[in-house]
N, C-alpha and C. Protein backbone atom coordinates (compact mmCIF):
# COMPACT_ATOMS: atom_id res chain seq x y z
N MET A 1 1.28 -14.86 12.88
CA MET A 1 1.11 -13.65 12.17
C MET A 1 1.55 -14.15 10.69
N VAL A 2 2.31 -14.97 10.23
CA VAL A 2 2.51 -15.29 9.07
C VAL A 2 1.31 -16.02 8.49
N GLU A 3 0.73 -16.89 9.32
CA GLU A 3 -0.43 -17.64 8.62
C GLU A 3 -1.59 -16.81 8.36
N ILE A 4 -1.92 -15.81 9.06
CA ILE A 4 -3.01 -14.62 8.93
C ILE A 4 -2.65 -14.18 7.47
N TRP A 5 -1.48 -13.64 7.21
CA TRP A 5 -1.18 -12.99 5.89
C TRP A 5 -1.28 -13.91 4.76
N SER A 6 -0.94 -15.13 4.99
CA SER A 6 -1.07 -16.07 3.87
C SER A 6 -2.41 -16.38 3.61
N MET A 7 -3.28 -16.27 4.50
CA MET A 7 -4.79 -16.48 4.20
C MET A 7 -5.34 -15.41 3.52
N ILE A 8 -4.89 -14.24 3.74
CA ILE A 8 -5.52 -12.95 3.31
C ILE A 8 -4.93 -12.91 1.82
N LYS A 9 -3.67 -13.24 1.68
CA LYS A 9 -3.18 -13.36 0.28
C LYS A 9 -4.13 -14.13 -0.81
N GLU A 10 -4.53 -15.20 -0.20
CA GLU A 10 -5.32 -16.13 -1.22
C GLU A 10 -6.72 -15.51 -1.19
N LYS A 11 -7.13 -14.78 -0.29
CA LYS A 11 -8.46 -14.43 -0.34
C LYS A 11 -8.70 -13.03 -0.95
N TYR A 12 -7.90 -12.10 -0.82
CA TYR A 12 -8.25 -10.62 -1.19
C TYR A 12 -7.22 -10.17 -2.20
N LYS A 13 -7.71 -9.42 -3.27
CA LYS A 13 -6.94 -8.94 -4.25
C LYS A 13 -5.91 -7.79 -3.81
N HIS A 14 -4.83 -7.84 -4.26
CA HIS A 14 -3.79 -6.80 -3.84
C HIS A 14 -3.36 -6.98 -2.43
N SER A 15 -3.60 -8.19 -1.81
CA SER A 15 -3.38 -8.16 -0.40
C SER A 15 -1.89 -8.15 0.13
N ASP A 16 -1.07 -8.35 -0.87
CA ASP A 16 0.51 -8.32 -0.62
C ASP A 16 0.73 -6.70 -0.33
N LEU A 17 0.10 -5.96 -1.34
CA LEU A 17 0.48 -4.51 -1.22
C LEU A 17 -0.39 -3.78 -0.05
N THR A 18 -1.67 -4.42 0.17
CA THR A 18 -2.28 -3.73 1.38
C THR A 18 -1.57 -4.06 2.78
N ALA A 19 -0.88 -5.28 2.71
CA ALA A 19 -0.30 -5.76 3.86
C ALA A 19 0.89 -4.89 4.09
N LYS A 20 1.69 -4.38 3.05
CA LYS A 20 2.72 -3.68 3.35
C LYS A 20 2.42 -2.30 3.65
N ILE A 21 1.31 -1.69 3.16
CA ILE A 21 0.75 -0.49 3.65
C ILE A 21 0.50 -0.60 5.05
N ILE A 22 -0.36 -1.43 5.49
CA ILE A 22 -0.85 -1.71 6.79
C ILE A 22 0.42 -1.80 7.69
N GLY A 23 1.36 -2.57 7.41
CA GLY A 23 2.48 -2.53 8.11
C GLY A 23 3.23 -1.46 8.36
N CYS A 24 3.28 -0.49 7.36
CA CYS A 24 3.88 0.84 7.54
C CYS A 24 2.99 1.59 8.47
N ALA A 25 1.71 1.51 8.33
CA ALA A 25 0.73 2.33 9.20
C ALA A 25 0.92 1.93 10.71
N LEU A 26 1.13 0.58 10.89
CA LEU A 26 1.23 0.12 12.17
C LEU A 26 2.59 0.48 12.87
N GLU A 27 3.51 0.51 12.01
CA GLU A 27 4.79 1.22 12.43
C GLU A 27 4.76 2.56 13.09
N VAL A 28 3.94 3.51 12.07
CA VAL A 28 3.76 4.82 12.46
C VAL A 28 2.94 4.97 13.79
N HIS A 29 1.86 4.08 13.94
CA HIS A 29 1.08 4.22 15.21
C HIS A 29 1.79 3.79 16.46
N LYS A 30 2.65 2.73 16.12
CA LYS A 30 3.43 2.28 17.26
C LYS A 30 4.61 3.36 17.77
N THR A 31 5.05 4.04 16.75
CA THR A 31 6.20 4.96 17.23
C THR A 31 5.39 6.22 17.76
N LEU A 32 4.47 6.74 17.14
CA LEU A 32 3.87 8.02 17.47
C LEU A 32 2.66 7.96 18.46
N GLY A 33 2.06 6.82 18.49
CA GLY A 33 0.82 6.70 19.32
C GLY A 33 -0.32 7.41 18.76
N ASN A 34 -1.41 7.70 19.40
CA ASN A 34 -2.46 8.63 19.06
C ASN A 34 -2.33 10.00 19.72
N GLY A 35 -3.22 10.82 19.21
CA GLY A 35 -3.34 12.35 19.61
C GLY A 35 -2.69 13.28 18.87
N PHE A 36 -2.24 12.93 17.66
CA PHE A 36 -1.53 14.02 16.70
C PHE A 36 -2.65 14.34 15.62
N GLN A 37 -2.56 15.44 14.96
CA GLN A 37 -3.35 15.73 13.78
C GLN A 37 -2.98 14.73 12.72
N GLU A 38 -3.96 14.77 11.81
CA GLU A 38 -3.99 13.84 10.68
C GLU A 38 -2.65 14.15 9.83
N VAL A 39 -2.43 15.41 9.66
CA VAL A 39 -1.02 15.68 8.68
C VAL A 39 0.19 15.07 9.26
N ILE A 40 0.38 15.09 10.63
CA ILE A 40 1.63 14.49 11.19
C ILE A 40 1.71 12.98 10.88
N TYR A 41 0.48 12.13 11.06
CA TYR A 41 0.37 10.90 10.52
C TYR A 41 0.71 10.59 9.12
N GLN A 42 0.30 11.62 8.41
CA GLN A 42 0.55 11.56 6.77
C GLN A 42 1.85 11.68 6.40
N ARG A 43 2.52 12.57 7.20
CA ARG A 43 4.09 12.93 6.88
C ARG A 43 4.84 11.67 7.22
N ALA A 44 4.44 11.19 8.46
CA ALA A 44 5.28 10.00 8.87
C ALA A 44 4.94 8.60 7.99
N LEU A 45 3.68 8.57 7.70
CA LEU A 45 3.29 7.31 6.80
C LEU A 45 4.27 7.45 5.41
N GLN A 46 4.32 8.76 5.04
CA GLN A 46 5.18 9.07 3.86
C GLN A 46 6.48 8.62 3.88
N ILE A 47 7.13 8.80 5.02
CA ILE A 47 8.52 8.42 5.21
C ILE A 47 8.49 6.75 5.46
N GLU A 48 7.67 6.40 6.04
CA GLU A 48 7.72 4.89 6.40
C GLU A 48 7.53 4.05 5.06
N MET A 49 6.53 4.46 4.06
CA MET A 49 6.16 3.77 2.90
C MET A 49 7.57 3.94 1.92
N ALA A 50 8.22 5.05 1.91
CA ALA A 50 9.35 5.35 1.00
C ALA A 50 10.44 4.38 1.47
N GLN A 51 10.69 4.35 2.73
CA GLN A 51 11.63 3.29 3.22
C GLN A 51 11.40 1.95 3.00
N HIS A 52 10.13 1.66 2.73
CA HIS A 52 9.72 0.36 2.39
C HIS A 52 9.72 0.06 0.76
N GLY A 53 10.07 1.13 0.04
CA GLY A 53 10.07 0.98 -1.55
C GLY A 53 8.71 0.92 -2.10
N LEU A 54 7.78 1.61 -1.47
CA LEU A 54 6.48 1.77 -2.01
C LEU A 54 6.25 2.90 -2.96
N ALA A 55 5.83 2.80 -4.06
CA ALA A 55 5.51 3.96 -5.04
C ALA A 55 4.24 4.71 -4.61
N PHE A 56 4.24 6.02 -4.44
CA PHE A 56 2.97 6.44 -3.89
C PHE A 56 2.97 7.98 -4.41
N GLN A 57 1.67 8.52 -4.31
CA GLN A 57 1.88 9.97 -4.61
C GLN A 57 0.69 10.40 -3.32
N ARG A 58 1.31 11.45 -2.81
CA ARG A 58 0.75 12.16 -1.47
C ARG A 58 -0.33 13.14 -2.05
N GLU A 59 -1.40 13.05 -1.47
CA GLU A 59 -2.51 14.17 -1.75
C GLU A 59 -2.71 14.42 -3.29
N PHE A 60 -2.88 13.35 -3.93
CA PHE A 60 -3.11 12.85 -5.33
C PHE A 60 -4.37 13.59 -5.59
N GLU A 61 -4.41 14.64 -6.51
CA GLU A 61 -5.78 15.17 -6.94
C GLU A 61 -6.31 14.39 -7.98
N MET A 62 -7.63 13.96 -7.89
CA MET A 62 -8.33 13.22 -8.93
C MET A 62 -9.56 13.96 -9.00
N PRO A 63 -10.03 13.83 -10.28
CA PRO A 63 -11.46 14.50 -10.79
C PRO A 63 -12.51 13.66 -10.15
N VAL A 64 -13.65 14.36 -9.92
CA VAL A 64 -14.96 13.72 -9.57
C VAL A 64 -15.76 14.03 -10.75
N LEU A 65 -16.20 12.86 -11.35
CA LEU A 65 -17.26 13.09 -12.41
C LEU A 65 -18.64 12.67 -12.20
N TYR A 66 -19.35 13.41 -12.66
CA TYR A 66 -21.17 13.09 -12.54
C TYR A 66 -21.38 12.80 -14.05
N LYS A 67 -21.69 11.64 -14.37
CA LYS A 67 -22.34 11.30 -15.81
C LYS A 67 -21.36 11.78 -16.76
N GLY A 68 -20.17 11.61 -16.53
CA GLY A 68 -19.12 11.81 -17.48
C GLY A 68 -18.55 13.15 -17.57
N GLU A 69 -19.04 14.09 -16.65
CA GLU A 69 -18.64 15.39 -16.41
C GLU A 69 -17.87 15.77 -15.25
N GLN A 70 -16.72 16.44 -15.34
CA GLN A 70 -16.00 16.90 -14.05
C GLN A 70 -16.92 17.76 -13.42
N ILE A 71 -17.07 17.60 -12.24
CA ILE A 71 -17.84 18.43 -11.32
C ILE A 71 -17.03 19.04 -10.17
N GLY A 72 -15.65 18.52 -10.08
CA GLY A 72 -14.76 18.99 -9.04
C GLY A 72 -13.62 18.09 -8.90
N THR A 73 -12.92 18.31 -7.97
CA THR A 73 -11.76 17.36 -7.68
C THR A 73 -11.57 17.06 -5.99
N ARG A 74 -10.97 15.91 -5.77
CA ARG A 74 -10.71 15.54 -4.55
C ARG A 74 -9.32 14.98 -4.37
N ARG A 75 -8.81 15.32 -3.39
CA ARG A 75 -7.39 14.87 -3.13
C ARG A 75 -7.41 13.59 -2.06
N VAL A 76 -7.02 12.57 -2.62
CA VAL A 76 -6.78 11.25 -1.89
C VAL A 76 -5.47 11.35 -1.05
N ASP A 77 -5.53 11.11 0.12
CA ASP A 77 -4.32 11.19 1.02
C ASP A 77 -3.07 10.48 0.50
N PHE A 78 -3.22 9.35 -0.09
CA PHE A 78 -2.24 8.51 -0.73
C PHE A 78 -2.89 7.70 -1.97
N LEU A 79 -2.10 7.63 -3.01
CA LEU A 79 -2.53 6.71 -4.10
C LEU A 79 -1.28 5.89 -4.22
N VAL A 80 -1.33 4.69 -3.83
CA VAL A 80 -0.27 3.80 -3.70
C VAL A 80 -0.16 2.67 -4.87
N GLU A 81 1.05 2.84 -5.56
CA GLU A 81 1.19 1.87 -6.81
C GLU A 81 0.13 2.13 -7.82
N GLU A 82 -0.47 3.44 -7.84
CA GLU A 82 -1.56 3.52 -8.72
C GLU A 82 -2.85 2.90 -8.68
N ILE A 83 -2.91 2.07 -7.81
CA ILE A 83 -4.21 1.03 -7.51
C ILE A 83 -4.89 1.07 -6.16
N ILE A 84 -4.17 1.52 -5.22
CA ILE A 84 -4.66 1.50 -3.89
C ILE A 84 -4.84 2.97 -3.34
N SER A 85 -6.22 3.29 -2.84
CA SER A 85 -6.39 4.58 -2.24
C SER A 85 -6.23 4.30 -0.82
N VAL A 86 -5.58 5.40 -0.19
CA VAL A 86 -5.33 5.13 1.30
C VAL A 86 -5.87 6.66 1.92
N GLU A 87 -6.84 6.46 2.66
CA GLU A 87 -7.44 7.74 3.48
C GLU A 87 -7.06 7.59 4.78
N LEU A 88 -6.56 8.56 5.37
CA LEU A 88 -6.09 8.73 6.74
C LEU A 88 -7.31 9.48 7.70
N LYS A 89 -7.38 9.06 8.78
CA LYS A 89 -8.16 9.78 9.91
C LYS A 89 -7.45 9.98 11.16
N ALA A 90 -7.57 10.81 11.86
CA ALA A 90 -7.07 10.89 13.30
C ALA A 90 -8.19 11.24 14.34
N LEU A 91 -9.04 10.25 14.44
CA LEU A 91 -10.21 10.46 15.21
C LEU A 91 -10.28 9.49 16.30
N THR A 92 -11.08 9.83 17.53
CA THR A 92 -11.13 8.82 18.51
C THR A 92 -11.95 7.70 18.12
N GLN A 93 -12.83 8.10 17.01
CA GLN A 93 -13.83 6.79 16.61
C GLN A 93 -14.26 7.21 15.37
N LEU A 94 -14.21 6.08 14.38
CA LEU A 94 -14.53 6.10 12.99
C LEU A 94 -16.12 6.24 13.07
N GLU A 95 -16.87 6.87 12.24
CA GLU A 95 -18.34 6.82 11.91
C GLU A 95 -18.61 6.32 10.76
N PRO A 96 -19.87 5.87 10.64
CA PRO A 96 -20.29 5.34 9.23
C PRO A 96 -20.07 6.37 8.29
N VAL A 97 -20.04 7.49 8.30
CA VAL A 97 -19.79 8.68 7.37
C VAL A 97 -18.46 8.48 6.80
N HIS A 98 -17.47 8.22 7.68
CA HIS A 98 -16.18 8.23 7.14
C HIS A 98 -15.95 6.96 6.27
N LEU A 99 -16.63 5.68 6.45
CA LEU A 99 -16.64 4.68 5.52
C LEU A 99 -17.38 5.04 4.24
N ALA A 100 -18.47 5.54 4.33
CA ALA A 100 -19.11 6.02 3.09
C ALA A 100 -18.39 6.99 2.28
N GLN A 101 -17.56 7.89 3.06
CA GLN A 101 -16.86 8.82 2.03
C GLN A 101 -15.76 8.14 1.40
N ALA A 102 -14.95 7.24 2.21
CA ALA A 102 -13.82 6.37 1.58
C ALA A 102 -14.45 5.48 0.26
N ILE A 103 -15.46 4.93 0.54
CA ILE A 103 -16.12 4.14 -0.58
C ILE A 103 -16.52 5.05 -1.75
N ASN A 104 -17.04 6.33 -1.42
CA ASN A 104 -17.36 7.09 -2.43
C ASN A 104 -16.15 7.53 -3.38
N TYR A 105 -15.05 7.79 -2.69
CA TYR A 105 -13.88 8.01 -3.37
C TYR A 105 -13.47 6.86 -4.28
N LEU A 106 -13.52 5.64 -3.76
CA LEU A 106 -13.17 4.51 -4.65
C LEU A 106 -14.10 4.44 -5.84
N GLU A 107 -15.30 4.87 -5.82
CA GLU A 107 -16.15 4.74 -6.81
C GLU A 107 -15.94 5.97 -7.85
N ALA A 108 -15.74 7.03 -7.38
CA ALA A 108 -15.56 8.36 -8.16
C ALA A 108 -14.17 7.96 -8.87
N TYR A 109 -13.11 7.52 -8.25
CA TYR A 109 -11.78 7.44 -8.93
C TYR A 109 -11.66 6.06 -9.76
N ASN A 110 -12.77 5.28 -9.65
CA ASN A 110 -12.69 3.90 -10.27
C ASN A 110 -11.63 3.02 -9.85
N LEU A 111 -11.33 2.92 -8.56
CA LEU A 111 -10.34 1.92 -7.99
C LEU A 111 -11.07 0.86 -7.49
N GLU A 112 -10.43 -0.39 -7.29
CA GLU A 112 -10.98 -1.55 -6.73
C GLU A 112 -10.78 -1.53 -5.23
N ILE A 113 -9.69 -1.12 -4.83
CA ILE A 113 -9.48 -1.24 -3.41
C ILE A 113 -8.87 -0.13 -2.65
N GLY A 114 -9.21 0.04 -1.37
CA GLY A 114 -8.85 1.30 -0.65
C GLY A 114 -8.66 0.87 0.79
N LEU A 115 -7.88 1.60 1.51
CA LEU A 115 -7.86 1.52 2.95
C LEU A 115 -8.16 2.92 3.66
N LEU A 116 -8.82 2.46 4.85
CA LEU A 116 -9.13 3.75 5.63
C LEU A 116 -8.47 3.33 7.00
N LEU A 117 -7.54 4.27 7.30
CA LEU A 117 -6.68 3.96 8.53
C LEU A 117 -6.91 5.18 9.46
N ASN A 118 -7.20 4.71 10.76
CA ASN A 118 -7.59 5.85 11.68
C ASN A 118 -6.51 5.59 12.88
N PHE A 119 -5.76 6.64 12.83
CA PHE A 119 -4.56 6.75 13.96
C PHE A 119 -5.07 7.36 14.99
N GLY A 120 -6.25 7.93 15.28
CA GLY A 120 -6.73 8.69 16.42
C GLY A 120 -6.91 7.79 17.66
N ALA A 121 -7.24 6.53 17.53
CA ALA A 121 -7.82 5.56 18.58
C ALA A 121 -6.77 4.92 19.20
N THR A 122 -6.88 4.56 20.39
CA THR A 122 -5.73 3.97 21.12
C THR A 122 -5.27 2.83 20.32
N SER A 123 -6.08 1.97 19.73
CA SER A 123 -5.55 0.92 18.88
C SER A 123 -5.88 1.47 17.49
N MET A 124 -4.87 1.19 16.59
CA MET A 124 -5.20 1.73 15.20
C MET A 124 -6.44 0.90 14.58
N GLU A 125 -7.09 1.66 13.90
CA GLU A 125 -8.30 1.12 13.22
C GLU A 125 -7.98 1.06 11.85
N ILE A 126 -8.29 -0.24 11.25
CA ILE A 126 -7.91 -0.50 9.81
C ILE A 126 -9.14 -0.95 9.24
N LYS A 127 -9.71 -0.41 8.01
CA LYS A 127 -10.81 -0.85 7.29
C LYS A 127 -10.40 -0.97 5.83
N ARG A 128 -10.45 -2.33 5.26
CA ARG A 128 -10.21 -2.55 3.93
C ARG A 128 -11.54 -2.51 3.13
N LEU A 129 -11.65 -1.65 2.02
CA LEU A 129 -12.63 -1.19 1.31
C LEU A 129 -12.66 -1.82 -0.13
N THR A 130 -13.83 -2.16 -0.68
CA THR A 130 -13.80 -2.55 -2.14
C THR A 130 -14.85 -1.63 -2.76
N ASN A 131 -14.65 -1.49 -4.02
CA ASN A 131 -15.46 -0.75 -4.88
C ASN A 131 -16.53 -1.82 -5.56
N GLY A 132 -17.79 -1.64 -4.91
CA GLY A 132 -18.84 -2.49 -5.16
C GLY A 132 -19.40 -2.36 -6.59
N LYS A 133 -19.03 -1.22 -7.14
CA LYS A 133 -19.58 -0.88 -8.47
C LYS A 133 -18.74 -1.49 -9.61
N LEU A 134 -17.64 -2.15 -9.31
CA LEU A 134 -16.83 -2.70 -10.36
C LEU A 134 -17.01 -4.24 -10.50
N PRO A 135 -17.02 -4.69 -11.74
CA PRO A 135 -17.34 -6.04 -11.75
C PRO A 135 -16.14 -6.95 -10.97
N ALA A 136 -16.79 -8.15 -10.27
CA ALA A 136 -15.93 -9.11 -9.48
C ALA A 136 -14.89 -9.64 -10.55
N MET A 137 -13.90 -9.83 -9.88
CA MET A 137 -12.74 -10.51 -10.96
C MET A 137 -12.36 -11.73 -10.37
């Protein structure tokens, strides 16, 4: 396991932070299993991330802009350390629309990295997302 995380740290931006978030999510899934509503996982993940010293805002409301004008707002499940968006799902299976939605949030919020975490499947699903509209660093 240590070798996998060290490879990720070299390859992906903010991998140390995403690894901590994923570790918290895996603990929640291990403890609760699947079958609960999304809000239950959200509350449990909030407790787990706080216990691990992660700074976050839950249901952080962000503006959605179109050509520089605000046309609405969207609440991301978690904004961690002000740089990682975390979207939760509690579905038996993720669909392409869920990935597209999470990527759209990254683009709308001008964030580089996001996680899409699905607690609804028997095995937890984890998708690491990047904002393709931002210049590569």
